[in-house]
Protein backbone atom coordinates (compact mmCIF):
# COMPACT_ATOMS: atom_id res chain seq x y z
CA MET A 1 -9.49 29.09 11.73
CA ASN A 2 -9.11 25.72 13.44
CA THR A 3 -12.36 23.77 13.19
CA GLU A 4 -11.42 21.79 16.30
CA ASN A 5 -11.61 25.07 18.18
CA LEU A 6 -14.97 25.79 16.56
CA ARG A 7 -16.32 22.40 17.60
CA THR A 8 -15.13 23.00 21.15
CA PHE A 9 -16.83 26.41 21.15
CA LEU A 10 -20.12 24.96 19.88
CA LEU A 11 -20.05 22.23 22.52
CA LEU A 12 -19.43 24.86 25.19
CA VAL A 13 -22.39 26.85 23.90
CA LYS A 14 -24.49 23.71 24.29
CA LEU A 15 -23.23 22.52 27.71
CA LYS A 16 -22.42 25.96 29.21
CA ASN A 17 -19.74 24.43 31.40
CA PHE A 18 -15.97 24.21 30.78
CA THR A 19 -15.52 21.17 32.99
CA ARG A 20 -18.24 19.15 31.26
CA VAL A 21 -16.85 20.07 27.85
CA ALA A 22 -13.39 18.94 28.88
CA GLU A 23 -14.79 15.65 30.18
CA GLN A 24 -16.75 15.00 27.02
CA LEU A 25 -13.75 15.78 24.79
CA PHE A 26 -11.31 13.86 27.05
CA VAL A 27 -8.98 16.86 27.31
CA ALA A 28 -7.78 19.05 30.15
CA GLN A 29 -9.98 22.01 31.09
CA SER A 30 -7.05 24.30 30.28
CA THR A 31 -7.17 22.98 26.70
CA VAL A 32 -10.80 24.06 26.39
CA THR A 33 -9.94 27.47 27.82
CA ASN A 34 -7.02 27.87 25.42
CA ARG A 35 -9.13 26.96 22.39
CA ILE A 36 -11.74 29.56 23.26
CA ALA A 37 -9.05 32.14 23.95
CA GLU A 38 -7.51 31.45 20.55
CA LEU A 39 -10.85 32.04 18.83
CA GLU A 40 -11.28 35.32 20.70
CA ARG A 41 -7.77 36.40 19.65
CA GLU A 42 -8.52 35.55 16.02
CA THR A 43 -11.82 37.42 15.98
CA ASP A 44 -10.63 40.19 18.28
CA VAL A 45 -13.96 40.15 20.13
CA ARG A 46 -15.21 38.66 23.36
CA LEU A 47 -17.40 35.67 22.48
CA LEU A 48 -18.46 34.55 25.97
CA ARG A 49 -19.40 36.00 29.31
CA ARG A 50 -18.08 33.90 32.17
CA ASP A 51 -18.70 33.79 35.89
CA THR A 52 -18.33 31.10 38.54
CA ARG A 53 -21.53 29.34 37.48
CA ASN A 54 -22.58 30.35 33.98
CA VAL A 55 -21.26 30.68 30.46
CA ALA A 56 -23.32 32.89 28.14
CA LEU A 57 -22.83 34.22 24.64
CA THR A 58 -22.15 37.87 24.03
CA GLU A 59 -23.99 39.50 21.13
CA GLU A 60 -20.86 38.99 19.03
CA GLY A 61 -20.74 35.38 20.23
CA LYS A 62 -24.29 34.77 19.04
CA THR A 63 -23.39 35.93 15.55
CA PHE A 64 -20.15 33.94 15.63
CA SER A 65 -21.91 30.73 16.72
CA ASP A 66 -24.14 30.79 13.63
CA TYR A 67 -21.14 31.00 11.33
CA ALA A 68 -19.17 28.45 13.36
CA ARG A 69 -21.98 25.95 13.00
CA ARG A 70 -22.11 26.46 9.24
CA ILE A 71 -18.34 26.07 8.88
CA VAL A 72 -18.36 22.81 10.83
CA GLU A 73 -21.32 21.44 8.87
CA MET A 74 -19.71 22.40 5.56
CA GLU A 75 -16.49 20.65 6.58
CA ASP A 76 -18.46 17.50 7.43
CA ALA A 77 -20.32 17.68 4.11
CA CYS A 78 -17.07 18.17 2.19
CA ILE A 79 -15.38 15.20 3.85
CA GLY A 80 -18.40 13.01 3.20
CA ALA A 81 -18.48 14.01 -0.47
CA VAL A 82 -14.78 13.44 -1.24
CA ARG A 83 -14.68 10.10 0.54
CA GLY A 84 -17.22 8.73 -1.88
CA GLY A 85 -19.47 5.78 -1.16
CA MET A 86 -23.13 6.16 -0.28
CA ARG A 87 -24.22 9.78 -0.27
CA GLN A 88 -26.01 11.01 2.82
CA ILE A 89 -28.94 13.15 1.74
CA ARG A 90 -29.15 16.30 3.83
CA LEU A 91 -32.74 17.40 4.12
CA GLY A 92 -34.43 20.09 6.17
CA ALA A 93 -38.09 20.51 6.97
CA THR A 94 -40.42 22.43 9.20
CA ASN A 95 -41.73 20.28 12.03
CA ALA A 96 -45.29 20.10 10.71
CA VAL A 97 -44.26 19.10 7.18
CA TYR A 98 -41.77 16.56 8.53
CA GLU A 99 -44.23 14.93 10.91
CA GLY A 100 -47.09 15.06 8.43
CA VAL A 101 -45.45 13.75 5.27
CA VAL A 102 -41.65 13.62 5.17
CA LYS A 103 -40.98 11.32 8.15
CA ASP A 104 -42.67 8.30 6.60
CA ARG A 105 -40.76 8.84 3.37
CA VAL A 106 -37.44 9.09 5.24
CA PHE A 107 -38.05 5.85 7.13
CA ARG A 108 -39.08 4.14 3.91
CA GLY A 109 -35.84 5.31 2.30
CA ILE A 110 -33.75 4.06 5.23
CA ALA A 111 -35.40 0.66 4.89
CA GLU A 112 -34.28 0.69 1.25
CA GLY A 113 -30.67 1.35 2.27
CA LYS A 114 -30.50 5.14 1.90
CA SER A 115 -28.96 7.53 4.39
CA TYR A 116 -30.33 10.88 5.60
CA ARG A 117 -29.23 13.76 7.75
CA VAL A 118 -32.35 15.56 8.92
CA THR A 119 -32.62 19.13 10.24
CA ILE A 120 -35.92 20.32 11.73
CA GLY A 121 -36.43 24.07 11.98
CA HIS A 122 -38.37 27.10 10.87
CA THR A 123 -38.74 28.02 7.23
CA ALA A 124 -36.30 30.97 7.27
CA GLY A 125 -33.54 28.96 8.92
CA ILE A 126 -34.07 25.93 6.70
CA LEU A 127 -33.90 28.06 3.56
CA GLU A 128 -30.77 29.84 4.79
CA MET A 129 -29.06 26.47 5.24
CA LEU A 130 -30.16 25.45 1.73
CA TRP A 131 -28.79 28.69 0.20
CA ASP A 132 -25.52 28.15 2.12
CA GLY A 133 -25.14 24.65 0.68
CA LEU A 134 -25.65 22.92 4.03
CA LEU A 135 -28.80 21.13 2.83
CA ASP A 136 -29.61 19.29 -0.37
CA VAL A 137 -33.36 19.71 -0.19
CA ALA A 138 -35.93 21.57 1.94
CA TYR A 139 -39.58 20.71 2.61
CA ILE A 140 -41.52 23.78 3.68
CA TYR A 141 -44.91 25.49 3.50
CA GLN A 142 -43.56 28.41 1.47
CA ASP A 143 -43.48 28.78 -2.32
CA VAL A 144 -40.12 30.45 -3.03
CA ARG A 145 -38.31 31.50 -6.20
CA ARG A 146 -34.53 31.75 -6.51
CA ALA A 147 -32.22 31.50 -9.52
CA GLY A 148 -30.70 28.04 -9.88
CA TYR A 149 -33.27 26.39 -7.62
CA LEU A 150 -36.47 24.43 -8.14
CA CYS A 151 -39.58 24.86 -5.99
CA MET A 152 -42.03 22.03 -6.61
CA PRO A 153 -45.43 21.27 -5.05
CA PHE A 154 -44.94 18.37 -2.65
CA SER A 155 -48.15 17.65 -0.74
CA ARG A 156 -51.37 19.25 0.45
CA ASP A 157 -52.80 19.16 3.96
CA GLU A 158 -55.53 21.02 5.85
CA LEU A 159 -55.93 22.51 9.31
CA VAL A 160 -58.41 20.64 11.48
CA PHE A 161 -59.86 21.59 14.87
CA LEU A 162 -59.13 18.99 17.53
CA ALA A 163 -59.60 17.92 21.13
CA ARG A 164 -58.77 14.83 23.12
CA ALA A 165 -61.69 12.51 22.38
CA ASP A 166 -62.90 12.32 25.97
CA LYS A 167 -62.68 16.13 26.32
CA ASN A 168 -64.64 17.04 23.21
CA GLY A 169 -67.46 19.39 24.14
CA PHE A 170 -68.60 19.87 20.54
CA PRO A 171 -69.47 16.44 19.09
CA ASP A 172 -71.91 18.06 16.65
CA GLY A 173 -69.49 20.74 15.45
CA ILE A 174 -68.51 24.26 16.46
CA ARG A 175 -69.34 27.76 15.23
CA GLN A 176 -66.76 30.51 14.91
CA GLU A 177 -68.38 32.61 17.65
CA GLN A 178 -67.87 29.73 20.08
CA LEU A 179 -64.09 29.50 19.54
CA ALA A 180 -63.29 32.46 21.80
CA GLY A 181 -64.99 30.74 24.72
CA VAL A 182 -62.84 27.62 24.75
CA PRO A 183 -59.20 27.15 25.81
CA CYS A 184 -57.36 26.90 22.52
CA ALA A 185 -53.64 26.55 21.82
CA MET A 186 -52.08 28.84 19.25
CA CYS A 187 -49.23 27.46 17.15
CA ASN A 188 -46.94 29.73 15.15
CA PHE A 189 -46.23 27.66 12.06
CA SER A 190 -43.85 30.36 10.73
CA LEU A 191 -46.21 30.90 7.83
CA GLN A 192 -48.04 34.20 7.70
CA GLU A 193 -51.09 32.79 5.93
CA ILE A 194 -51.76 30.22 8.66
CA GLY A 195 -51.28 32.78 11.43
CA SER A 196 -53.63 35.21 9.71
CA TYR A 197 -56.25 32.51 9.18
CA LEU A 198 -56.16 31.42 12.82
CA ARG A 199 -56.22 34.91 14.32
CA GLU A 200 -59.10 36.00 12.09
CA LEU A 201 -61.19 33.21 13.63
CA PHE A 202 -60.85 34.84 17.07
CA PRO A 203 -61.75 38.33 18.30
CA ALA A 204 -59.08 41.02 18.05
CA GLY A 205 -56.71 40.92 21.02
CA HIS A 206 -57.76 37.40 22.01
CA VAL A 207 -55.34 35.88 24.55
CA PHE A 208 -54.55 32.20 24.03
CA PRO A 209 -53.73 30.13 27.13
CA PHE A 210 -50.88 28.43 25.29
CA GLU A 211 -48.81 29.80 22.39
CA VAL A 212 -45.89 27.84 21.00
CA ASP A 213 -43.86 27.52 17.79
CA ASN A 214 -43.72 23.72 17.61
CA SER A 215 -46.68 21.62 16.51
CA ASN A 216 -45.61 18.64 18.62
CA LYS A 217 -45.94 20.81 21.72
CA VAL A 218 -49.51 21.54 20.68
CA LYS A 219 -50.10 17.79 20.62
CA ASP A 220 -48.81 17.69 24.20
CA PHE A 221 -51.42 20.31 25.11
CA LEU A 222 -54.15 18.17 23.56
CA ASN A 223 -52.84 14.97 25.13
CA ALA A 224 -53.03 16.64 28.54
CA GLY A 225 -56.73 17.31 27.94
CA LEU A 226 -56.25 21.05 28.45
CA GLY A 227 -58.32 22.25 25.53
CA TYR A 228 -58.50 22.52 21.76
CA ALA A 229 -56.18 23.31 18.87
CA PHE A 230 -55.84 23.62 15.12
CA LEU A 231 -53.23 21.30 13.57
CA PRO A 232 -52.49 19.92 10.11
CA ARG A 233 -54.32 16.65 9.65
CA GLY A 234 -51.16 14.87 8.56
CA ILE A 235 -49.39 15.14 11.92
CA VAL A 236 -52.36 13.77 13.90
CA LYS A 237 -53.40 10.98 11.54
CA GLU A 238 -52.36 8.30 14.05
CA GLU A 239 -54.22 9.95 16.93
CA LEU A 240 -57.33 10.35 14.79
CA SER A 241 -57.13 6.77 13.55
CA SER A 242 -56.74 5.39 17.07
CA GLY A 243 -59.60 7.54 18.40
CA LYS A 244 -57.36 9.41 20.84
CA PHE A 245 -58.14 12.78 19.22
CA ALA A 246 -61.51 13.87 17.89
CA GLU A 247 -61.89 16.16 14.90
CA ILE A 248 -64.50 18.87 15.44
CA VAL A 249 -66.48 19.90 12.38
CA PRO A 250 -66.53 23.67 11.59
CA LEU A 251 -70.17 24.69 11.11
CA ASP A 252 -69.80 28.17 9.67
CA PHE A 253 -66.15 28.53 8.70
CA THR A 254 -63.94 26.57 6.30
CA ARG A 255 -60.84 24.51 6.93
CA MET A 256 -57.66 26.06 5.60
CA GLN A 257 -55.86 24.14 2.86
CA ILE A 258 -52.06 24.05 3.28
CA PRO A 259 -49.79 23.21 0.34
CA SER A 260 -46.17 22.28 1.02
CA TYR A 261 -43.22 22.53 -1.33
CA CYS A 262 -39.92 20.84 -2.06
CA VAL A 263 -37.02 23.21 -2.75
CA CYS A 264 -33.61 22.18 -4.09
CA ARG A 265 -30.85 23.11 -6.50
CA LYS A 266 -31.72 22.14 -10.04
CA GLU A 267 -28.92 19.58 -10.16
CA ASP A 268 -30.21 17.91 -6.96
CA LYS A 269 -33.73 17.19 -8.18
CA ALA A 270 -33.04 13.44 -8.15
CA LEU A 271 -32.48 13.61 -4.38
CA CYS A 272 -36.04 14.82 -3.73
CA PHE A 273 -38.97 12.63 -2.81
CA ALA A 274 -41.60 12.35 -5.53
CA PRO A 275 -44.63 14.59 -4.98
CA ASP A 276 -46.87 12.95 -2.42
CA GLN A 277 -50.55 12.27 -2.73
CA ASP A 278 -52.72 14.75 -0.89
CA VAL A 279 -53.08 13.98 2.80
CA VAL A 280 -56.73 15.10 2.72
């Protein structure tokens, strides 16, 4: 299977427009069409739905795009490895772990002359890329066990309750029974323990005004002064230090402690960052 065709397909999935893909690749639009048609002949399935305005993936196309992306990434990794020279470390992390701990370590490494290729995603996707050999190391909230791999404690954080400083209605702290009466964002950190902890703090069936799966989007909610939220302390350390966000003390419930882990193949241990000091 021609990887040039795969790259064209992935770009089309991203741009959803044959003309724009052709312009970006500096080829004729008919070339783009022919590359997609060749892939559909090879797979013997229809990968895309087309009309005059839109390009959308079929169900088979969605499955195919995942494999196409892996093939392209593996080709890039292979070329980089056989060419020698400085190795680019391919790391993946959940957004909260990256923002809280890993980002500073990456920038420090770049300043020392190292090179990184960073993928931000959810735990399941990050681990799948690691198992497939597309990542060298993963930084996640989940303690996993797999033959041939190491899973090492990396750092420890805690969930804190926050508001924009000028919108804090609880300067003396908050009780659990008061949580249901305030607008609070709900973030799905893709970790069952965190979700269970947060939902147990609220009445059954509680409706949150804002639910999202990215912790940075929760920060946007707080920045807009729309309400309150629980976030790992590590990703709001700058806002707390500057006084932009205020931490609200829990009066009758405890903060959840969140350990994170570094996962890698045993032979790649040297590529991992050393365990970090606790954020808390």
